[in-house]
Amino acid sequence: MNTNYASVEPSRAEVDGLSGSTVVEFGAPWCGICKAAQPLIAKALAGTQPLRHLKIEDGSGRPLGRSFGIKLWPTLVFLRDGQEVGRLVRPTSVDAISGELARLAQPA
């Protein structure tokens, strides 16, 4: 699990071109709701097979977040081979995150 938000984001084309399973987490380091969700995200990710976790600092005018239609933080976008297969906005339980991770791990 990445613990810091990346201030330099990849392009949407780069994210769309990723192979395998990826979780893209949009948020901000100063966001209280994002901070509160971190233990839940960490616990859910600890119980999974290794996967790519991109933690992206989002904000007004940030192109990657806008391309995904992000409006609230944190938002977790679950991708398989660059295609969105699930999304959680402001997750409040390990079970909800784990459920999406299990769906992500299923063959297409």
C-alpha atoms as a PDB file:
ATOM      1  CA  MET A   1       0.000   0.000   0.000  1.00  0.00           C
ATOM      2  CA  ASN A   2       1.238   3.450  -0.855  1.00  0.00           C
ATOM      3  CA  THR A   3       1.128   5.716   2.161  1.00  0.00           C
ATOM      4  CA  ASN A   4       1.689   9.074   0.432  1.00  0.00           C
ATOM      5  CA  TYR A   5      -0.383  10.782  -2.203  1.00  0.00           C
ATOM      6  CA  ALA A   6       1.538  11.323  -5.437  1.00  0.00           C
ATOM      7  CA  SER A   7       1.436  14.986  -6.400  1.00  0.00           C
ATOM      8  CA  VAL A   8       2.508  14.164  -9.965  1.00  0.00           C
ATOM      9  CA  GLU A   9      -0.220  12.119 -11.574  1.00  0.00           C
ATOM     10  CA  PRO A  10       0.030   9.777 -14.537  1.00  0.00           C
ATOM     11  CA  SER A  11      -1.943  10.594 -17.652  1.00  0.00           C
ATOM     12  CA  ARG A  12      -5.282   8.932 -18.285  1.00  0.00           C
ATOM     13  CA  ALA A  13      -3.708   7.110 -21.238  1.00  0.00           C
ATOM     14  CA  GLU A  14      -1.037   5.671 -18.930  1.00  0.00           C
ATOM     15  CA  VAL A  15      -3.664   4.482 -16.439  1.00  0.00           C
ATOM     16  CA  ASP A  16      -5.837   3.022 -19.209  1.00  0.00           C
ATOM     17  CA  GLY A  17      -2.789   1.123 -20.482  1.00  0.00           C
ATOM     18  CA  LEU A  18      -1.980  -0.575 -17.171  1.00  0.00           C
ATOM     19  CA  SER A  19      -2.150  -4.350 -17.214  1.00  0.00           C
ATOM     20  CA  GLY A  20      -3.385  -6.441 -14.316  1.00  0.00           C
ATOM     21  CA  SER A  21      -5.210  -5.267 -11.205  1.00  0.00           C
ATOM     22  CA  THR A  22      -4.918  -1.673 -10.044  1.00  0.00           C
ATOM     23  CA  VAL A  23      -6.574   0.363  -7.318  1.00  0.00           C
ATOM     24  CA  VAL A  24      -6.472   4.117  -7.913  1.00  0.00           C
ATOM     25  CA  GLU A  25      -7.128   6.075  -4.731  1.00  0.00           C
ATOM     26  CA  PHE A  26      -8.038   9.743  -5.161  1.00  0.00           C
ATOM     27  CA  GLY A  27      -7.806  12.068  -2.172  1.00  0.00           C
ATOM     28  CA  ALA A  28      -5.680  14.694  -0.470  1.00  0.00           C
ATOM     29  CA  PRO A  29      -3.210  14.552   2.426  1.00  0.00           C
ATOM     30  CA  TRP A  30      -5.093  17.245   4.356  1.00  0.00           C
ATOM     31  CA  CYS A  31      -8.542  15.614   3.902  1.00  0.00           C
ATOM     32  CA  GLY A  32      -9.902  14.378   7.241  1.00  0.00           C
ATOM     33  CA  ILE A  33     -12.185  11.778   5.654  1.00  0.00           C
ATOM     34  CA  CYS A  34      -9.226  10.473   3.616  1.00  0.00           C
ATOM     35  CA  LYS A  35      -7.125  10.186   6.780  1.00  0.00           C
ATOM     36  CA  ALA A  36      -9.925   8.336   8.582  1.00  0.00           C
ATOM     37  CA  ALA A  37     -10.233   5.824   5.712  1.00  0.00           C
ATOM     38  CA  GLN A  38      -6.519   4.936   5.648  1.00  0.00           C
ATOM     39  CA  PRO A  39      -6.655   2.162   8.297  1.00  0.00           C
ATOM     40  CA  LEU A  40      -9.601   0.554   6.463  1.00  0.00           C
ATOM     41  CA  ILE A  41      -7.814   0.690   3.118  1.00  0.00           C
ATOM     42  CA  ALA A  42      -4.574  -0.631   4.625  1.00  0.00           C
ATOM     43  CA  LYS A  43      -6.335  -3.562   6.302  1.00  0.00           C
ATOM     44  CA  ALA A  44      -8.251  -4.486   3.136  1.00  0.00           C
ATOM     45  CA  LEU A  45      -5.151  -4.273   0.927  1.00  0.00           C
ATOM     46  CA  ALA A  46      -3.089  -6.311   3.406  1.00  0.00           C
ATOM     47  CA  GLY A  47      -5.404  -9.274   2.866  1.00  0.00           C
ATOM     48  CA  THR A  48      -5.059  -9.410  -0.923  1.00  0.00           C
ATOM     49  CA  GLN A  49      -2.684 -10.665  -3.542  1.00  0.00           C
ATOM     50  CA  PRO A  50      -0.123  -8.062  -4.562  1.00  0.00           C
ATOM     51  CA  LEU A  51      -1.628  -5.433  -6.821  1.00  0.00           C
ATOM     52  CA  ARG A  52      -0.825  -1.951  -8.028  1.00  0.00           C
ATOM     53  CA  HIS A  53      -2.042   0.831  -5.707  1.00  0.00           C
ATOM     54  CA  LEU A  54      -1.861   4.357  -7.100  1.00  0.00           C
ATOM     55  CA  LYS A  55      -2.549   7.007  -4.491  1.00  0.00           C
ATOM     56  CA  ILE A  56      -3.192  10.246  -6.357  1.00  0.00           C
ATOM     57  CA  GLU A  57      -3.510  13.697  -4.817  1.00  0.00           C
ATOM     58  CA  ASP A  58      -6.624  15.171  -6.379  1.00  0.00           C
ATOM     59  CA  GLY A  59      -7.961  18.693  -6.527  1.00  0.00           C
ATOM     60  CA  SER A  60      -9.567  21.313  -8.687  1.00  0.00           C
ATOM     61  CA  GLY A  61      -8.226  21.242 -12.214  1.00  0.00           C
ATOM     62  CA  ARG A  62      -6.399  17.924 -11.809  1.00  0.00           C
ATOM     63  CA  PRO A  63      -6.997  16.116 -15.123  1.00  0.00           C
ATOM     64  CA  LEU A  64      -6.867  12.491 -13.954  1.00  0.00           C
ATOM     65  CA  GLY A  65      -9.510  12.946 -11.271  1.00  0.00           C
ATOM     66  CA  ARG A  66     -11.733  14.898 -13.639  1.00  0.00           C
ATOM     67  CA  SER A  67     -11.416  12.190 -16.302  1.00  0.00           C
ATOM     68  CA  PHE A  68     -12.760   9.667 -13.764  1.00  0.00           C
ATOM     69  CA  GLY A  69     -15.526  12.033 -12.614  1.00  0.00           C
ATOM     70  CA  ILE A  70     -14.203  12.223  -9.048  1.00  0.00           C
ATOM     71  CA  LYS A  71     -16.302  14.513  -6.859  1.00  0.00           C
ATOM     72  CA  LEU A  72     -15.728  13.255  -3.293  1.00  0.00           C
ATOM     73  CA  TRP A  73     -12.660  11.957  -1.465  1.00  0.00           C
ATOM     74  CA  PRO A  74     -11.505   9.406  -0.923  1.00  0.00           C
ATOM     75  CA  THR A  75     -12.656   7.553  -4.002  1.00  0.00           C
ATOM     76  CA  LEU A  76     -11.229   4.149  -4.854  1.00  0.00           C
ATOM     77  CA  VAL A  77     -11.408   3.097  -8.497  1.00  0.00           C
ATOM     78  CA  PHE A  78     -10.771  -0.604  -9.179  1.00  0.00           C
ATOM     79  CA  LEU A  79      -9.277  -1.345 -12.599  1.00  0.00           C
ATOM     80  CA  ARG A  80      -8.583  -4.577 -14.460  1.00  0.00           C
ATOM     81  CA  ASP A  81      -6.308  -4.095 -17.441  1.00  0.00           C
ATOM     82  CA  GLY A  82      -7.087  -0.378 -17.437  1.00  0.00           C
ATOM     83  CA  GLN A  83     -10.881  -0.848 -17.388  1.00  0.00           C
ATOM     84  CA  GLU A  84     -12.980   0.215 -14.405  1.00  0.00           C
ATOM     85  CA  VAL A  85     -14.706  -2.742 -12.734  1.00  0.00           C
ATOM     86  CA  GLY A  86     -15.704  -1.099  -9.466  1.00  0.00           C
ATOM     87  CA  ARG A  87     -15.715   2.086  -7.425  1.00  0.00           C
ATOM     88  CA  LEU A  88     -16.141   3.064  -3.799  1.00  0.00           C
ATOM     89  CA  VAL A  89     -16.751   6.629  -2.691  1.00  0.00           C
ATOM     90  CA  ARG A  90     -15.854   7.408   0.918  1.00  0.00           C
ATOM     91  CA  PRO A  91     -15.553   3.780   2.029  1.00  0.00           C
ATOM     92  CA  THR A  92     -16.610   3.188   5.626  1.00  0.00           C
ATOM     93  CA  SER A  93     -15.773  -0.490   6.124  1.00  0.00           C
ATOM     94  CA  VAL A  94     -13.032  -2.997   5.441  1.00  0.00           C
ATOM     95  CA  ASP A  95     -15.715  -5.387   4.163  1.00  0.00           C
ATOM     96  CA  ALA A  96     -16.838  -2.987   1.425  1.00  0.00           C
ATOM     97  CA  ILE A  97     -13.268  -2.504   0.207  1.00  0.00           C
ATOM     98  CA  SER A  98     -12.498  -6.217   0.495  1.00  0.00           C
ATOM     99  CA  GLY A  99     -15.624  -7.040  -1.515  1.00  0.00           C
ATOM    100  CA  GLU A 100     -14.486  -4.836  -4.389  1.00  0.00           C
ATOM    101  CA  LEU A 101     -10.965  -6.297  -4.177  1.00  0.00           C
ATOM    102  CA  ALA A 102     -12.414  -9.822  -4.351  1.00  0.00           C
ATOM    103  CA  ARG A 103     -14.445  -8.845  -7.417  1.00  0.00           C
ATOM    104  CA  LEU A 104     -11.322  -7.374  -8.963  1.00  0.00           C
ATOM    105  CA  ALA A 105      -9.429 -10.631  -8.390  1.00  0.00           C
ATOM    106  CA  GLN A 106     -12.063 -12.708 -10.238  1.00  0.00           C
ATOM    107  CA  PRO A 107     -11.250 -13.592 -13.837  1.00  0.00           C
ATOM    108  CA  ALA A 108     -12.894 -11.374 -16.424  1.00  0.00           C
END
